[in-house]
N, C-alpha and C. Protein backbone atom coordinates (compact mmCIF):
# COMPACT_ATOMS: atom_id res chain seq x y z
N MET A 1 8.99 -7.98 -34.81
CA MET A 1 8.43 -7.03 -33.87
C MET A 1 6.97 -6.77 -34.22
N ASN A 2 6.13 -7.75 -33.94
CA ASN A 2 4.71 -7.63 -34.26
C ASN A 2 3.92 -6.94 -33.16
N ASN A 3 4.34 -7.07 -31.91
CA ASN A 3 3.60 -6.54 -30.78
C ASN A 3 4.31 -5.32 -30.23
N MET A 4 3.58 -4.21 -30.04
CA MET A 4 4.16 -2.97 -29.51
C MET A 4 3.23 -2.44 -28.43
N LYS A 5 3.84 -1.90 -27.37
CA LYS A 5 3.06 -1.34 -26.28
C LYS A 5 3.69 -0.02 -25.84
N THR A 6 2.85 0.95 -25.49
CA THR A 6 3.30 2.24 -24.98
C THR A 6 2.74 2.43 -23.58
N ILE A 7 3.61 2.83 -22.66
CA ILE A 7 3.23 3.05 -21.27
C ILE A 7 3.75 4.43 -20.85
N THR A 8 2.95 5.19 -20.14
CA THR A 8 3.39 6.47 -19.59
C THR A 8 3.48 6.34 -18.07
N LEU A 9 4.49 6.98 -17.50
CA LEU A 9 4.70 6.93 -16.06
C LEU A 9 5.56 8.11 -15.63
N LYS A 10 5.76 8.24 -14.34
CA LYS A 10 6.60 9.30 -13.76
C LYS A 10 7.94 8.73 -13.35
N SER A 11 8.99 9.49 -13.56
CA SER A 11 10.33 9.07 -13.14
C SER A 11 10.41 9.07 -11.62
N THR A 12 11.34 8.25 -11.10
CA THR A 12 11.48 8.12 -9.65
C THR A 12 12.88 8.46 -9.15
N GLY A 13 13.85 8.52 -10.05
CA GLY A 13 15.24 8.73 -9.63
C GLY A 13 15.87 7.46 -9.08
N ALA A 14 15.14 6.36 -9.15
CA ALA A 14 15.62 5.05 -8.69
C ALA A 14 15.05 3.99 -9.62
N ALA A 15 15.52 2.76 -9.46
CA ALA A 15 15.03 1.67 -10.30
C ALA A 15 13.50 1.60 -10.25
N LEU A 16 12.91 1.36 -11.40
CA LEU A 16 11.46 1.40 -11.55
C LEU A 16 11.02 0.20 -12.39
N GLU A 17 10.15 -0.64 -11.86
CA GLU A 17 9.67 -1.81 -12.60
C GLU A 17 8.44 -1.43 -13.41
N VAL A 18 8.43 -1.86 -14.68
CA VAL A 18 7.32 -1.56 -15.59
C VAL A 18 6.81 -2.87 -16.18
N ASN A 19 5.57 -3.22 -15.90
CA ASN A 19 4.98 -4.43 -16.45
C ASN A 19 4.47 -4.13 -17.85
N ILE A 20 5.05 -4.82 -18.86
CA ILE A 20 4.67 -4.61 -20.25
C ILE A 20 3.76 -5.72 -20.74
N GLY A 21 3.96 -6.94 -20.24
CA GLY A 21 3.15 -8.07 -20.67
C GLY A 21 3.90 -9.00 -21.61
N PHE A 22 5.10 -8.60 -22.03
CA PHE A 22 5.97 -9.44 -22.85
C PHE A 22 7.41 -8.99 -22.62
N LEU A 23 8.35 -9.83 -23.01
CA LEU A 23 9.76 -9.47 -22.90
C LEU A 23 10.17 -8.77 -24.19
N PRO A 24 10.51 -7.49 -24.13
CA PRO A 24 10.78 -6.73 -25.35
C PRO A 24 12.13 -7.05 -25.99
N SER A 25 12.16 -6.91 -27.31
CA SER A 25 13.43 -7.01 -28.04
C SER A 25 13.97 -5.62 -28.38
N LYS A 26 13.10 -4.60 -28.25
CA LYS A 26 13.51 -3.22 -28.49
C LYS A 26 12.73 -2.34 -27.53
N VAL A 27 13.43 -1.34 -26.96
CA VAL A 27 12.81 -0.40 -26.03
C VAL A 27 13.27 1.01 -26.38
N GLU A 28 12.32 1.94 -26.37
CA GLU A 28 12.63 3.36 -26.50
C GLU A 28 11.96 4.06 -25.32
N ILE A 29 12.74 4.84 -24.58
CA ILE A 29 12.21 5.57 -23.44
C ILE A 29 12.44 7.05 -23.70
N VAL A 30 11.36 7.82 -23.66
CA VAL A 30 11.44 9.25 -23.89
C VAL A 30 11.11 9.96 -22.59
N ASN A 31 12.00 10.87 -22.16
CA ASN A 31 11.71 11.74 -21.03
C ASN A 31 11.06 12.98 -21.62
N ALA A 32 9.73 13.05 -21.57
CA ALA A 32 8.99 14.15 -22.19
C ALA A 32 9.21 15.47 -21.46
N SER A 33 9.73 15.43 -20.24
CA SER A 33 9.97 16.65 -19.48
C SER A 33 11.23 17.37 -19.93
N ASN A 34 12.23 16.62 -20.44
CA ASN A 34 13.48 17.27 -20.85
C ASN A 34 13.89 16.96 -22.29
N GLY A 35 13.13 16.14 -23.00
CA GLY A 35 13.41 15.85 -24.39
C GLY A 35 14.47 14.80 -24.65
N CYS A 36 14.97 14.14 -23.62
CA CYS A 36 16.01 13.11 -23.79
C CYS A 36 15.38 11.76 -24.10
N LYS A 37 16.17 10.90 -24.77
CA LYS A 37 15.65 9.60 -25.20
C LYS A 37 16.72 8.53 -25.01
N ALA A 38 16.27 7.33 -24.63
CA ALA A 38 17.16 6.17 -24.53
C ALA A 38 16.63 5.09 -25.47
N ASP A 39 17.53 4.51 -26.26
CA ASP A 39 17.18 3.42 -27.18
C ASP A 39 18.00 2.19 -26.84
N TRP A 40 17.35 1.04 -26.85
CA TRP A 40 18.01 -0.22 -26.57
C TRP A 40 17.42 -1.30 -27.45
N SER A 41 18.25 -2.24 -27.90
CA SER A 41 17.74 -3.43 -28.59
C SER A 41 18.50 -4.63 -28.06
N SER A 42 17.92 -5.80 -28.21
CA SER A 42 18.46 -7.01 -27.60
C SER A 42 19.86 -7.38 -28.09
N GLY A 43 20.32 -6.84 -29.20
CA GLY A 43 21.65 -7.15 -29.69
C GLY A 43 22.76 -6.32 -29.07
N MET A 44 22.41 -5.36 -28.22
CA MET A 44 23.42 -4.49 -27.61
C MET A 44 24.10 -5.19 -26.43
N ALA A 45 25.31 -4.75 -26.13
CA ALA A 45 26.06 -5.32 -25.01
C ALA A 45 25.37 -4.99 -23.68
N THR A 46 25.65 -5.79 -22.68
CA THR A 46 25.08 -5.61 -21.35
C THR A 46 25.30 -4.18 -20.85
N GLY A 47 24.23 -3.53 -20.43
CA GLY A 47 24.30 -2.20 -19.85
C GLY A 47 24.34 -1.05 -20.82
N GLU A 48 24.38 -1.33 -22.11
CA GLU A 48 24.47 -0.24 -23.09
C GLU A 48 23.10 0.28 -23.49
N PHE A 49 23.07 1.56 -23.87
CA PHE A 49 21.92 2.15 -24.54
C PHE A 49 22.41 3.39 -25.26
N ILE A 50 21.67 3.81 -26.25
CA ILE A 50 22.01 5.03 -26.98
C ILE A 50 21.17 6.15 -26.41
N LYS A 51 21.85 7.18 -25.89
CA LYS A 51 21.16 8.32 -25.29
C LYS A 51 21.21 9.50 -26.23
N THR A 52 20.05 10.09 -26.48
CA THR A 52 19.97 11.29 -27.30
C THR A 52 19.45 12.42 -26.42
N THR A 53 20.24 13.49 -26.32
CA THR A 53 19.82 14.69 -25.59
C THR A 53 19.62 15.80 -26.62
N LEU A 54 19.31 16.99 -26.16
CA LEU A 54 19.12 18.11 -27.08
C LEU A 54 20.42 18.51 -27.76
N SER A 55 21.57 18.13 -27.18
CA SER A 55 22.85 18.57 -27.73
C SER A 55 23.73 17.46 -28.30
N ALA A 56 23.44 16.18 -28.00
CA ALA A 56 24.34 15.11 -28.45
C ALA A 56 23.65 13.75 -28.43
N THR A 57 24.24 12.82 -29.18
CA THR A 57 23.86 11.42 -29.13
C THR A 57 25.08 10.63 -28.71
N THR A 58 24.96 9.83 -27.64
CA THR A 58 26.11 9.10 -27.10
C THR A 58 25.73 7.65 -26.82
N LEU A 59 26.75 6.80 -26.84
CA LEU A 59 26.58 5.42 -26.41
C LEU A 59 26.93 5.35 -24.93
N GLU A 60 25.95 5.02 -24.11
CA GLU A 60 26.16 4.92 -22.67
C GLU A 60 26.41 3.46 -22.32
N THR A 61 27.32 3.22 -21.40
CA THR A 61 27.67 1.84 -21.06
C THR A 61 27.42 1.49 -19.60
N THR A 62 26.92 2.43 -18.80
CA THR A 62 26.62 2.15 -17.39
C THR A 62 25.20 2.58 -17.08
N ASN A 63 24.61 1.91 -16.09
CA ASN A 63 23.25 2.18 -15.64
C ASN A 63 22.28 2.20 -16.81
N GLY A 64 22.53 1.30 -17.75
CA GLY A 64 21.76 1.32 -18.99
C GLY A 64 20.73 0.22 -19.07
N ILE A 65 20.76 -0.49 -20.17
CA ILE A 65 19.71 -1.42 -20.52
C ILE A 65 20.28 -2.82 -20.71
N ALA A 66 19.70 -3.80 -20.04
CA ALA A 66 20.18 -5.18 -20.16
C ALA A 66 19.11 -6.13 -19.67
N HIS A 67 19.26 -7.39 -19.98
CA HIS A 67 18.36 -8.41 -19.45
C HIS A 67 18.67 -8.64 -17.98
N THR A 68 17.66 -8.91 -17.18
CA THR A 68 17.85 -9.19 -15.76
C THR A 68 18.83 -10.34 -15.54
N SER A 69 18.79 -11.34 -16.41
CA SER A 69 19.67 -12.51 -16.24
C SER A 69 21.14 -12.13 -16.33
N GLN A 70 21.45 -10.94 -16.89
CA GLN A 70 22.83 -10.49 -16.98
C GLN A 70 23.24 -9.68 -15.75
N GLY A 71 22.29 -9.40 -14.87
CA GLY A 71 22.59 -8.78 -13.60
C GLY A 71 23.06 -7.34 -13.66
N VAL A 72 22.58 -6.59 -14.62
CA VAL A 72 23.02 -5.20 -14.76
C VAL A 72 21.84 -4.28 -14.49
N ALA A 73 22.06 -3.24 -13.70
CA ALA A 73 21.00 -2.26 -13.43
C ALA A 73 20.72 -1.48 -14.70
N GLY A 74 19.55 -0.91 -14.79
CA GLY A 74 19.19 -0.12 -15.96
C GLY A 74 17.82 -0.56 -16.43
N VAL A 75 17.69 -0.84 -17.68
CA VAL A 75 16.46 -1.41 -18.19
C VAL A 75 16.73 -2.89 -18.38
N ALA A 76 16.07 -3.71 -17.61
CA ALA A 76 16.35 -5.14 -17.62
C ALA A 76 15.05 -5.91 -17.77
N GLN A 77 15.08 -7.00 -18.51
CA GLN A 77 13.89 -7.82 -18.65
C GLN A 77 13.66 -8.56 -17.34
N THR A 78 12.40 -8.63 -16.92
CA THR A 78 12.06 -9.27 -15.65
C THR A 78 11.13 -10.45 -15.90
N ALA A 79 11.06 -11.33 -14.92
CA ALA A 79 10.20 -12.51 -15.02
C ALA A 79 8.73 -12.11 -15.14
N SER A 80 8.39 -10.91 -14.69
CA SER A 80 7.01 -10.45 -14.76
C SER A 80 6.65 -9.91 -16.14
N LYS A 81 7.49 -10.18 -17.12
CA LYS A 81 7.28 -9.76 -18.50
C LYS A 81 7.21 -8.25 -18.62
N GLY A 82 8.25 -7.61 -18.16
CA GLY A 82 8.35 -6.18 -18.26
C GLY A 82 9.80 -5.77 -18.24
N ILE A 83 10.05 -4.54 -17.83
CA ILE A 83 11.42 -4.03 -17.74
C ILE A 83 11.63 -3.37 -16.39
N THR A 84 12.89 -3.27 -16.03
CA THR A 84 13.29 -2.44 -14.90
C THR A 84 14.08 -1.28 -15.48
N LEU A 85 13.65 -0.09 -15.19
CA LEU A 85 14.32 1.11 -15.67
C LEU A 85 15.19 1.65 -14.55
N GLY A 86 16.49 1.71 -14.78
CA GLY A 86 17.42 2.23 -13.77
C GLY A 86 17.45 3.74 -13.76
N ALA A 87 18.28 4.31 -12.91
CA ALA A 87 18.37 5.77 -12.74
C ALA A 87 19.37 6.37 -13.72
N ALA A 88 19.17 6.10 -15.00
CA ALA A 88 20.07 6.61 -16.04
C ALA A 88 20.00 8.14 -16.11
N ALA A 89 21.16 8.78 -16.21
CA ALA A 89 21.24 10.24 -16.29
C ALA A 89 20.40 10.75 -17.45
N ASP A 90 19.65 11.81 -17.21
CA ASP A 90 18.77 12.48 -18.17
C ASP A 90 17.52 11.70 -18.52
N ILE A 91 17.42 10.44 -18.09
CA ILE A 91 16.26 9.63 -18.41
C ILE A 91 15.40 9.43 -17.15
N ASN A 92 15.97 8.87 -16.09
CA ASN A 92 15.22 8.58 -14.85
C ASN A 92 16.05 8.96 -13.63
N ASP A 93 16.72 10.12 -13.68
CA ASP A 93 17.57 10.53 -12.56
C ASP A 93 16.93 11.60 -11.68
N ALA A 94 15.68 11.94 -11.96
CA ALA A 94 14.96 12.93 -11.15
C ALA A 94 13.60 12.35 -10.81
N VAL A 95 12.89 12.98 -9.89
CA VAL A 95 11.57 12.51 -9.46
C VAL A 95 10.48 13.32 -10.15
N GLY A 96 9.48 12.63 -10.67
CA GLY A 96 8.28 13.29 -11.17
C GLY A 96 8.30 13.75 -12.61
N GLU A 97 9.30 13.36 -13.39
CA GLU A 97 9.32 13.74 -14.80
C GLU A 97 8.47 12.75 -15.60
N ASP A 98 7.92 13.21 -16.71
CA ASP A 98 7.04 12.39 -17.54
C ASP A 98 7.86 11.47 -18.45
N LEU A 99 7.66 10.17 -18.33
CA LEU A 99 8.35 9.19 -19.15
C LEU A 99 7.34 8.47 -20.04
N ILE A 100 7.77 8.21 -21.28
CA ILE A 100 6.99 7.42 -22.23
C ILE A 100 7.85 6.24 -22.63
N VAL A 101 7.36 5.03 -22.38
CA VAL A 101 8.09 3.80 -22.70
C VAL A 101 7.40 3.14 -23.89
N HIS A 102 8.15 2.96 -24.98
CA HIS A 102 7.67 2.21 -26.15
C HIS A 102 8.44 0.90 -26.14
N ALA A 103 7.75 -0.22 -26.23
CA ALA A 103 8.41 -1.52 -26.20
C ALA A 103 7.86 -2.39 -27.32
N TRP A 104 8.77 -3.08 -28.01
CA TRP A 104 8.41 -3.98 -29.10
C TRP A 104 8.83 -5.40 -28.73
N GLU A 105 7.96 -6.36 -29.00
CA GLU A 105 8.25 -7.75 -28.70
C GLU A 105 9.23 -8.33 -29.71
């Protein structure tokens, strides 16, 4: 993981494409508006991510993080060398919240 990029954007409540410039092996998404965080790495099963809220840390298995080639909504690697962020609860399920995406190659 030599290359790292941070991008800030607003949540949309729907799938959101983020051009990073490389296909990440690890992604951390922080919702700065509510303090929730999603963590994903390339070794995780399709659609999974670890969600941390103010009250709990859980393994989420739907609307999560996966490569586009696996056909799962969530955070997926795209041909444009970025990710697609799905409408994961507490992360991108509302409009206009501040998101910080950290991605490692």
